[in-house]
Amino acid sequence: MRLNVPIVGFLLGLFLPLIGLFLVYTFKGNHQGVMHFASSLTSQKGVAAKVVLLSVLINLIPFAYFNMKRLDYAMRGVFIATMLYAMLVIMLMFVW
């Protein structure tokens, strides 16, 4: 399988923030249940945007790796997925 294709970076960029969300829940969940954590995200306006922003930071790891290995097309896929999450953060902050 070729690694230097945009779809590989895009899929990594979409699914790694789910791991980041789990890490944010683990460290900042205050030992509350998943449902209580999710309801607190939906009830407070700015908290959901901050949690999504923190979970997207994990995309820096494959972005830096692909940059170091000069896998430009895969890096482009990670960048596109990160920009989609950035639009989600902007919508969470200002629209909803």
PDB file of N, CA and C in Angstrom:
ATOM      1  N   MET A   1       0.842  -1.188   0.000  1.00  0.00           N
ATOM      2  CA  MET A   1       0.000   0.000   0.000  1.00  0.00           C
ATOM      3  C   MET A   1       0.878   1.238   0.000  1.00  0.00           C
ATOM      4  N   ARG A   2       0.532   2.155  -0.816  1.00  0.00           N
ATOM      5  CA  ARG A   2       1.281   3.404  -0.873  1.00  0.00           C
ATOM      6  C   ARG A   2       0.814   4.321   0.231  1.00  0.00           C
ATOM      7  N   LEU A   3       1.762   4.974   0.880  1.00  0.00           N
ATOM      8  CA  LEU A   3       1.440   5.857   1.990  1.00  0.00           C
ATOM      9  C   LEU A   3       1.267   7.295   1.534  1.00  0.00           C
ATOM     10  N   ASN A   4       1.849   7.653   0.398  1.00  0.00           N
ATOM     11  CA  ASN A   4       1.830   9.037  -0.050  1.00  0.00           C
ATOM     12  C   ASN A   4       0.629   9.315  -0.954  1.00  0.00           C
ATOM     13  N   VAL A   5      -0.561   9.064  -0.419  1.00  0.00           N
ATOM     14  CA  VAL A   5      -1.795   9.406  -1.124  1.00  0.00           C
ATOM     15  C   VAL A   5      -2.654  10.238  -0.174  1.00  0.00           C
ATOM     16  N   PRO A   6      -3.407  11.181  -0.694  1.00  0.00           N
ATOM     17  CA  PRO A   6      -4.174  12.062   0.189  1.00  0.00           C
ATOM     18  C   PRO A   6      -5.215  11.349   1.046  1.00  0.00           C
ATOM     19  N   ILE A   7      -5.774  10.250   0.564  1.00  0.00           N
ATOM     20  CA  ILE A   7      -6.832   9.577   1.320  1.00  0.00           C
ATOM     21  C   ILE A   7      -6.295   8.988   2.622  1.00  0.00           C
ATOM     22  N   VAL A   8      -5.031   8.547   2.633  1.00  0.00           N
ATOM     23  CA  VAL A   8      -4.434   8.016   3.860  1.00  0.00           C
ATOM     24  C   VAL A   8      -4.334   9.121   4.905  1.00  0.00           C
ATOM     25  N   GLY A   9      -3.838  10.269   4.504  1.00  0.00           N
ATOM     26  CA  GLY A   9      -3.735  11.396   5.427  1.00  0.00           C
ATOM     27  C   GLY A   9      -5.095  11.906   5.863  1.00  0.00           C
ATOM     28  N   PHE A  10      -6.046  11.908   4.938  1.00  0.00           N
ATOM     29  CA  PHE A  10      -7.386  12.387   5.265  1.00  0.00           C
ATOM     30  C   PHE A  10      -8.059  11.484   6.296  1.00  0.00           C
ATOM     31  N   LEU A  11      -7.949  10.175   6.096  1.00  0.00           N
ATOM     32  CA  LEU A  11      -8.558   9.247   7.050  1.00  0.00           C
ATOM     33  C   LEU A  11      -7.869   9.318   8.417  1.00  0.00           C
ATOM     34  N   LEU A  12      -6.547   9.434   8.426  1.00  0.00           N
ATOM     35  CA  LEU A  12      -5.840   9.624   9.692  1.00  0.00           C
ATOM     36  C   LEU A  12      -6.273  10.915  10.366  1.00  0.00           C
ATOM     37  N   GLY A  13      -6.391  11.965   9.570  1.00  0.00           N
ATOM     38  CA  GLY A  13      -6.797  13.257  10.111  1.00  0.00           C
ATOM     39  C   GLY A  13      -8.222  13.268  10.634  1.00  0.00           C
ATOM     40  N   LEU A  14      -9.075  12.415  10.108  1.00  0.00           N
ATOM     41  CA  LEU A  14     -10.451  12.339  10.596  1.00  0.00           C
ATOM     42  C   LEU A  14     -10.579  11.485  11.847  1.00  0.00           C
ATOM     43  N   PHE A  15      -9.833  10.375  11.926  1.00  0.00           N
ATOM     44  CA  PHE A  15     -10.037   9.417  13.015  1.00  0.00           C
ATOM     45  C   PHE A  15      -9.126   9.632  14.218  1.00  0.00           C
ATOM     46  N   LEU A  16      -7.974  10.250  14.051  1.00  0.00           N
ATOM     47  CA  LEU A  16      -7.104  10.492  15.201  1.00  0.00           C
ATOM     48  C   LEU A  16      -7.713  11.455  16.223  1.00  0.00           C
ATOM     49  N   PRO A  17      -8.475  12.475  15.818  1.00  0.00           N
ATOM     50  CA  PRO A  17      -9.114  13.301  16.840  1.00  0.00           C
ATOM     51  C   PRO A  17     -10.102  12.554  17.729  1.00  0.00           C
ATOM     52  N   LEU A  18     -10.614  11.411  17.279  1.00  0.00           N
ATOM     53  CA  LEU A  18     -11.450  10.596  18.167  1.00  0.00           C
ATOM     54  C   LEU A  18     -10.615  10.049  19.322  1.00  0.00           C
ATOM     55  N   ILE A  19      -9.377   9.669  19.032  1.00  0.00           N
ATOM     56  CA  ILE A  19      -8.461   9.256  20.101  1.00  0.00           C
ATOM     57  C   ILE A  19      -8.144  10.455  20.985  1.00  0.00           C
ATOM     58  N   GLY A  20      -7.977  11.615  20.362  1.00  0.00           N
ATOM     59  CA  GLY A  20      -7.746  12.834  21.128  1.00  0.00           C
ATOM     60  C   GLY A  20      -8.923  13.176  22.023  1.00  0.00           C
ATOM     61  N   LEU A  21     -10.135  12.947  21.539  1.00  0.00           N
ATOM     62  CA  LEU A  21     -11.320  13.179  22.357  1.00  0.00           C
ATOM     63  C   LEU A  21     -11.349  12.238  23.545  1.00  0.00           C
ATOM     64  N   PHE A  22     -10.955  10.996  23.333  1.00  0.00           N
ATOM     65  CA  PHE A  22     -10.874  10.044  24.442  1.00  0.00           C
ATOM     66  C   PHE A  22      -9.822  10.493  25.453  1.00  0.00           C
ATOM     67  N   LEU A  23      -8.698  11.017  24.980  1.00  0.00           N
ATOM     68  CA  LEU A  23      -7.665  11.505  25.897  1.00  0.00           C
ATOM     69  C   LEU A  23      -8.145  12.721  26.691  1.00  0.00           C
ATOM     70  N   VAL A  24      -8.863  13.617  26.033  1.00  0.00           N
ATOM     71  CA  VAL A  24      -9.418  14.779  26.744  1.00  0.00           C
ATOM     72  C   VAL A  24     -10.415  14.320  27.789  1.00  0.00           C
ATOM     73  N   TYR A  25     -11.247  13.350  27.436  1.00  0.00           N
ATOM     74  CA  TYR A  25     -12.205  12.818  28.407  1.00  0.00           C
ATOM     75  C   TYR A  25     -11.484  12.155  29.572  1.00  0.00           C
ATOM     76  N   THR A  26     -10.411  11.429  29.281  1.00  0.00           N
ATOM     77  CA  THR A  26      -9.677  10.735  30.332  1.00  0.00           C
ATOM     78  C   THR A  26      -9.041  11.717  31.306  1.00  0.00           C
ATOM     79  N   PHE A  27      -8.447  12.777  30.797  1.00  0.00           N
ATOM     80  CA  PHE A  27      -7.725  13.704  31.659  1.00  0.00           C
ATOM     81  C   PHE A  27      -8.597  14.805  32.241  1.00  0.00           C
ATOM     82  N   LYS A  28      -9.628  15.220  31.533  1.00  0.00           N
ATOM     83  CA  LYS A  28     -10.478  16.327  31.995  1.00  0.00           C
ATOM     84  C   LYS A  28     -11.906  15.919  32.318  1.00  0.00           C
ATOM     85  N   GLY A  29     -12.204  14.632  32.310  1.00  0.00           N
ATOM     86  CA  GLY A  29     -13.562  14.171  32.538  1.00  0.00           C
ATOM     87  C   GLY A  29     -14.006  14.241  33.979  1.00  0.00           C
ATOM     88  N   ASN A  30     -13.085  14.455  34.908  1.00  0.00           N
ATOM     89  CA  ASN A  30     -13.384  14.548  36.335  1.00  0.00           C
ATOM     90  C   ASN A  30     -14.150  13.334  36.843  1.00  0.00           C
ATOM     91  N   HIS A  31     -13.815  12.152  36.310  1.00  0.00           N
ATOM     92  CA  HIS A  31     -14.409  10.886  36.736  1.00  0.00           C
ATOM     93  C   HIS A  31     -15.934  10.879  36.626  1.00  0.00           C
ATOM     94  N   GLN A  32     -16.438  11.577  35.626  1.00  0.00           N
ATOM     95  CA  GLN A  32     -17.873  11.544  35.382  1.00  0.00           C
ATOM     96  C   GLN A  32     -18.155  10.589  34.238  1.00  0.00           C
ATOM     97  N   GLY A  33     -19.367  10.180  34.099  1.00  0.00           N
ATOM     98  CA  GLY A  33     -19.731   9.247  33.047  1.00  0.00           C
ATOM     99  C   GLY A  33     -19.658   9.890  31.676  1.00  0.00           C
ATOM    100  N   VAL A  34     -19.648   9.040  30.668  1.00  0.00           N
ATOM    101  CA  VAL A  34     -19.549   9.521  29.299  1.00  0.00           C
ATOM    102  C   VAL A  34     -20.776  10.357  28.939  1.00  0.00           C
ATOM    103  N   MET A  35     -21.939   9.897  29.353  1.00  0.00           N
ATOM    104  CA  MET A  35     -23.168  10.640  29.036  1.00  0.00           C
ATOM    105  C   MET A  35     -23.196  12.004  29.733  1.00  0.00           C
ATOM    106  N   HIS A  36     -22.718  12.056  30.953  1.00  0.00           N
ATOM    107  CA  HIS A  36     -22.664  13.332  31.671  1.00  0.00           C
ATOM    108  C   HIS A  36     -21.649  14.263  31.016  1.00  0.00           C
ATOM    109  N   PHE A  37     -20.530  13.717  30.561  1.00  0.00           N
ATOM    110  CA  PHE A  37     -19.514  14.511  29.860  1.00  0.00           C
ATOM    111  C   PHE A  37     -20.082  15.064  28.556  1.00  0.00           C
ATOM    112  N   ALA A  38     -20.808  14.236  27.815  1.00  0.00           N
ATOM    113  CA  ALA A  38     -21.396  14.675  26.550  1.00  0.00           C
ATOM    114  C   ALA A  38     -22.483  15.726  26.774  1.00  0.00           C
ATOM    115  N   SER A  39     -23.282  15.550  27.833  1.00  0.00           N
ATOM    116  CA  SER A  39     -24.322  16.546  28.094  1.00  0.00           C
ATOM    117  C   SER A  39     -23.719  17.863  28.566  1.00  0.00           C
ATOM    118  N   SER A  40     -22.597  17.821  29.265  1.00  0.00           N
ATOM    119  CA  SER A  40     -21.957  19.069  29.668  1.00  0.00           C
ATOM    120  C   SER A  40     -21.350  19.778  28.464  1.00  0.00           C
ATOM    121  N   LEU A  41     -20.943  19.012  27.451  1.00  0.00           N
ATOM    122  CA  LEU A  41     -20.431  19.637  26.228  1.00  0.00           C
ATOM    123  C   LEU A  41     -21.533  20.348  25.458  1.00  0.00           C
ATOM    124  N   THR A  42     -22.718  19.747  25.444  1.00  0.00           N
ATOM    125  CA  THR A  42     -23.802  20.359  24.688  1.00  0.00           C
ATOM    126  C   THR A  42     -24.468  21.501  25.440  1.00  0.00           C
ATOM    127  N   SER A  43     -24.392  21.494  26.769  1.00  0.00           N
ATOM    128  CA  SER A  43     -25.076  22.533  27.529  1.00  0.00           C
ATOM    129  C   SER A  43     -24.267  23.827  27.616  1.00  0.00           C
ATOM    130  N   GLN A  44     -22.956  23.734  27.622  1.00  0.00           N
ATOM    131  CA  GLN A  44     -22.118  24.925  27.708  1.00  0.00           C
ATOM    132  C   GLN A  44     -21.571  25.248  26.327  1.00  0.00           C
ATOM    133  N   LYS A  45     -21.765  26.484  25.899  1.00  0.00           N
ATOM    134  CA  LYS A  45     -21.517  26.850  24.513  1.00  0.00           C
ATOM    135  C   LYS A  45     -20.046  26.735  24.109  1.00  0.00           C
ATOM    136  N   GLY A  46     -19.142  27.327  24.854  1.00  0.00           N
ATOM    137  CA  GLY A  46     -17.749  27.371  24.440  1.00  0.00           C
ATOM    138  C   GLY A  46     -16.945  26.144  24.787  1.00  0.00           C
ATOM    139  N   VAL A  47     -17.465  25.310  25.671  1.00  0.00           N
ATOM    140  CA  VAL A  47     -16.704  24.146  26.122  1.00  0.00           C
ATOM    141  C   VAL A  47     -16.551  23.123  24.999  1.00  0.00           C
ATOM    142  N   ALA A  48     -17.568  22.906  24.211  1.00  0.00           N
ATOM    143  CA  ALA A  48     -17.500  21.930  23.121  1.00  0.00           C
ATOM    144  C   ALA A  48     -16.439  22.338  22.105  1.00  0.00           C
ATOM    145  N   ALA A  49     -16.352  23.625  21.799  1.00  0.00           N
ATOM    146  CA  ALA A  49     -15.346  24.090  20.845  1.00  0.00           C
ATOM    147  C   ALA A  49     -13.942  23.871  21.391  1.00  0.00           C
ATOM    148  N   LYS A  50     -13.758  24.113  22.680  1.00  0.00           N
ATOM    149  CA  LYS A  50     -12.436  23.912  23.274  1.00  0.00           C
ATOM    150  C   LYS A  50     -12.051  22.443  23.295  1.00  0.00           C
ATOM    151  N   VAL A  51     -12.994  21.570  23.579  1.00  0.00           N
ATOM    152  CA  VAL A  51     -12.708  20.134  23.613  1.00  0.00           C
ATOM    153  C   VAL A  51     -12.368  19.628  22.217  1.00  0.00           C
ATOM    154  N   VAL A  52     -13.110  20.060  21.213  1.00  0.00           N
ATOM    155  CA  VAL A  52     -12.814  19.649  19.838  1.00  0.00           C
ATOM    156  C   VAL A  52     -11.450  20.187  19.418  1.00  0.00           C
ATOM    157  N   LEU A  53     -11.148  21.415  19.788  1.00  0.00           N
ATOM    158  CA  LEU A  53      -9.858  22.004  19.446  1.00  0.00           C
ATOM    159  C   LEU A  53      -8.711  21.240  20.098  1.00  0.00           C
ATOM    160  N   LEU A  54      -8.877  20.863  21.350  1.00  0.00           N
ATOM    161  CA  LEU A  54      -7.841  20.081  22.019  1.00  0.00           C
ATOM    162  C   LEU A  54      -7.684  18.699  21.405  1.00  0.00           C
ATOM    163  N   SER A  55      -8.788  18.101  20.999  1.00  0.00           N
ATOM    164  CA  SER A  55      -8.692  16.762  20.425  1.00  0.00           C
ATOM    165  C   SER A  55      -8.081  16.778  19.021  1.00  0.00           C
ATOM    166  N   VAL A  56      -8.171  17.889  18.329  1.00  0.00           N
ATOM    167  CA  VAL A  56      -7.606  17.984  16.983  1.00  0.00           C
ATOM    168  C   VAL A  56      -6.089  18.182  17.030  1.00  0.00           C
ATOM    169  N   LEU A  57      -5.567  18.592  18.157  1.00  0.00           N
ATOM    170  CA  LEU A  57      -4.121  18.793  18.259  1.00  0.00           C
ATOM    171  C   LEU A  57      -3.322  17.523  18.001  1.00  0.00           C
ATOM    172  N   ILE A  58      -3.937  16.379  18.133  1.00  0.00           N
ATOM    173  CA  ILE A  58      -3.248  15.119  17.872  1.00  0.00           C
ATOM    174  C   ILE A  58      -2.892  14.972  16.385  1.00  0.00           C
ATOM    175  N   ASN A  59      -3.530  15.763  15.526  1.00  0.00           N
ATOM    176  CA  ASN A  59      -3.209  15.726  14.103  1.00  0.00           C
ATOM    177  C   ASN A  59      -1.817  16.289  13.810  1.00  0.00           C
ATOM    178  N   LEU A  60      -1.217  16.964  14.779  1.00  0.00           N
ATOM    179  CA  LEU A  60       0.135  17.460  14.566  1.00  0.00           C
ATOM    180  C   LEU A  60       1.145  16.326  14.416  1.00  0.00           C
ATOM    181  N   ILE A  61       0.868  15.200  15.044  1.00  0.00           N
ATOM    182  CA  ILE A  61       1.805  14.071  14.999  1.00  0.00           C
ATOM    183  C   ILE A  61       1.930  13.497  13.577  1.00  0.00           C
ATOM    184  N   PRO A  62       0.825  13.100  12.922  1.00  0.00           N
ATOM    185  CA  PRO A  62       1.021  12.597  11.550  1.00  0.00           C
ATOM    186  C   PRO A  62       1.436  13.692  10.574  1.00  0.00           C
ATOM    187  N   PHE A  63       1.005  14.923  10.836  1.00  0.00           N
ATOM    188  CA  PHE A  63       1.410  16.027   9.957  1.00  0.00           C
ATOM    189  C   PHE A  63       2.922  16.205  10.001  1.00  0.00           C
ATOM    190  N   ALA A  64       3.502  16.201  11.201  1.00  0.00           N
ATOM    191  CA  ALA A  64       4.952  16.350  11.332  1.00  0.00           C
ATOM    192  C   ALA A  64       5.681  15.133  10.760  1.00  0.00           C
ATOM    193  N   TYR A  65       5.136  13.945  10.972  1.00  0.00           N
ATOM    194  CA  TYR A  65       5.758  12.732  10.431  1.00  0.00           C
ATOM    195  C   TYR A  65       5.775  12.763   8.905  1.00  0.00           C
ATOM    196  N   PHE A  66       4.643  13.075   8.306  1.00  0.00           N
ATOM    197  CA  PHE A  66       4.578  13.123   6.849  1.00  0.00           C
ATOM    198  C   PHE A  66       5.470  14.235   6.299  1.00  0.00           C
ATOM    199  N   ASN A  67       5.583  15.330   7.027  1.00  0.00           N
ATOM    200  CA  ASN A  67       6.460  16.413   6.608  1.00  0.00           C
ATOM    201  C   ASN A  67       7.919  15.970   6.667  1.00  0.00           C
ATOM    202  N   MET A  68       8.299  15.268   7.724  1.00  0.00           N
ATOM    203  CA  MET A  68       9.676  14.814   7.884  1.00  0.00           C
ATOM    204  C   MET A  68      10.050  13.797   6.802  1.00  0.00           C
ATOM    205  N   LYS A  69       9.119  12.913   6.452  1.00  0.00           N
ATOM    206  CA  LYS A  69       9.368  11.883   5.440  1.00  0.00           C
ATOM    207  C   LYS A  69       9.103  12.378   4.015  1.00  0.00           C
ATOM    208  N   ARG A  70       8.715  13.636   3.890  1.00  0.00           N
ATOM    209  CA  ARG A  70       8.416  14.261   2.597  1.00  0.00           C
ATOM    210  C   ARG A  70       7.292  13.548   1.852  1.00  0.00           C
ATOM    211  N   LEU A  71       6.277  13.138   2.586  1.00  0.00           N
ATOM    212  CA  LEU A  71       5.082  12.532   2.004  1.00  0.00           C
ATOM    213  C   LEU A  71       4.033  13.647   1.872  1.00  0.00           C
ATOM    214  N   ASP A  72       4.214  14.452   0.846  1.00  0.00           N
ATOM    215  CA  ASP A  72       3.444  15.681   0.721  1.00  0.00           C
ATOM    216  C   ASP A  72       1.957  15.457   0.482  1.00  0.00           C
ATOM    217  N   TYR A  73       1.610  14.442  -0.270  1.00  0.00           N
ATOM    218  CA  TYR A  73       0.193  14.210  -0.555  1.00  0.00           C
ATOM    219  C   TYR A  73      -0.548  13.726   0.689  1.00  0.00           C
ATOM    220  N   ALA A  74       0.088  12.861   1.474  1.00  0.00           N
ATOM    221  CA  ALA A  74      -0.537  12.417   2.718  1.00  0.00           C
ATOM    222  C   ALA A  74      -0.651  13.574   3.699  1.00  0.00           C
ATOM    223  N   MET A  75       0.365  14.425   3.721  1.00  0.00           N
ATOM    224  CA  MET A  75       0.326  15.609   4.586  1.00  0.00           C
ATOM    225  C   MET A  75      -0.827  16.532   4.168  1.00  0.00           C
ATOM    226  N   ARG A  76      -1.069  16.616   2.895  1.00  0.00           N
ATOM    227  CA  ARG A  76      -2.177  17.432   2.391  1.00  0.00           C
ATOM    228  C   ARG A  76      -3.525  16.885   2.867  1.00  0.00           C
ATOM    229  N   GLY A  77      -3.658  15.570   2.927  1.00  0.00           N
ATOM    230  CA  GLY A  77      -4.889  14.969   3.421  1.00  0.00           C
ATOM    231  C   GLY A  77      -5.125  15.269   4.891  1.00  0.00           C
ATOM    232  N   VAL A  78      -4.069  15.207   5.710  1.00  0.00           N
ATOM    233  CA  VAL A  78      -4.194  15.555   7.127  1.00  0.00           C
ATOM    234  C   VAL A  78      -4.592  17.019   7.265  1.00  0.00           C
ATOM    235  N   PHE A  79      -4.006  17.876   6.445  1.00  0.00           N
ATOM    236  CA  PHE A  79      -4.328  19.304   6.498  1.00  0.00           C
ATOM    237  C   PHE A  79      -5.796  19.557   6.149  1.00  0.00           C
ATOM    238  N   ILE A  80      -6.306  18.878   5.147  1.00  0.00           N
ATOM    239  CA  ILE A  80      -7.710  19.063   4.746  1.00  0.00           C
ATOM    240  C   ILE A  80      -8.649  18.608   5.867  1.00  0.00           C
ATOM    241  N   ALA A  81      -8.355  17.475   6.478  1.00  0.00           N
ATOM    242  CA  ALA A  81      -9.189  16.998   7.587  1.00  0.00           C
ATOM    243  C   ALA A  81      -9.134  17.963   8.761  1.00  0.00           C
ATOM    244  N   THR A  82      -7.957  18.509   9.034  1.00  0.00           N
ATOM    245  CA  THR A  82      -7.819  19.469  10.128  1.00  0.00           C
ATOM    246  C   THR A  82      -8.613  20.742   9.838  1.00  0.00           C
ATOM    247  N   MET A  83      -8.638  21.168   8.590  1.00  0.00           N
ATOM    248  CA  MET A  83      -9.419  22.353   8.237  1.00  0.00           C
ATOM    249  C   MET A  83     -10.918  22.093   8.380  1.00  0.00           C
ATOM    250  N   LEU A  84     -11.347  20.877   8.116  1.00  0.00           N
ATOM    251  CA  LEU A  84     -12.757  20.544   8.345  1.00  0.00           C
ATOM    252  C   LEU A  84     -13.094  20.643   9.835  1.00  0.00           C
ATOM    253  N   TYR A  85     -12.190  20.153  10.677  1.00  0.00           N
ATOM    254  CA  TYR A  85     -12.403  20.294  12.119  1.00  0.00           C
ATOM    255  C   TYR A  85     -12.342  21.757  12.544  1.00  0.00           C
ATOM    256  N   ALA A  86     -11.506  22.553  11.896  1.00  0.00           N
ATOM    257  CA  ALA A  86     -11.439  23.983  12.225  1.00  0.00           C
ATOM    258  C   ALA A  86     -12.763  24.672  11.895  1.00  0.00           C
ATOM    259  N   MET A  87     -13.390  24.280  10.785  1.00  0.00           N
ATOM    260  CA  MET A  87     -14.699  24.845  10.455  1.00  0.00           C
ATOM    261  C   MET A  87     -15.742  24.425  11.491  1.00  0.00           C
ATOM    262  N   LEU A  88     -15.632  23.193  11.994  1.00  0.00           N
ATOM    263  CA  LEU A  88     -16.533  22.735  13.048  1.00  0.00           C
ATOM    264  C   LEU A  88     -16.347  23.564  14.312  1.00  0.00           C
ATOM    265  N   VAL A  89     -15.114  23.859  14.675  1.00  0.00           N
ATOM    266  CA  VAL A  89     -14.845  24.671  15.863  1.00  0.00           C
ATOM    267  C   VAL A  89     -15.418  26.073  15.696  1.00  0.00           C
ATOM    268  N   ILE A  90     -15.252  26.658  14.523  1.00  0.00           N
ATOM    269  CA  ILE A  90     -15.799  28.002  14.272  1.00  0.00           C
ATOM    270  C   ILE A  90     -17.315  27.979  14.357  1.00  0.00           C
ATOM    271  N   MET A  91     -17.936  26.936  13.808  1.00  0.00           N
ATOM    272  CA  MET A  91     -19.384  26.840  13.900  1.00  0.00           C
ATOM    273  C   MET A  91     -19.838  26.652  15.334  1.00  0.00           C
ATOM    274  N   LEU A  92     -19.105  25.863  16.113  1.00  0.00           N
ATOM    275  CA  LEU A  92     -19.473  25.666  17.517  1.00  0.00           C
ATOM    276  C   LEU A  92     -19.331  26.957  18.316  1.00  0.00           C
ATOM    277  N   MET A  93     -18.344  27.750  17.992  1.00  0.00           N
ATOM    278  CA  MET A  93     -18.107  28.981  18.745  1.00  0.00           C
ATOM    279  C   MET A  93     -19.110  30.079  18.401  1.00  0.00           C
ATOM    280  N   PHE A  94     -19.430  30.209  17.133  1.00  0.00           N
ATOM    281  CA  PHE A  94     -20.193  31.387  16.718  1.00  0.00           C
ATOM    282  C   PHE A  94     -21.610  31.117  16.228  1.00  0.00           C
ATOM    283  N   VAL A  95     -21.903  29.910  15.787  1.00  0.00           N
ATOM    284  CA  VAL A  95     -23.220  29.648  15.208  1.00  0.00           C
ATOM    285  C   VAL A  95     -24.144  28.979  16.219  1.00  0.00           C
ATOM    286  N   TRP A  96     -23.676  27.900  16.841  1.00  0.00           N
ATOM    287  CA  TRP A  96     -24.554  27.164  17.740  1.00  0.00           C
ATOM    288  C   TRP A  96     -24.532  27.711  19.112  1.00  0.00           C
TER     289      TRP A  96
END
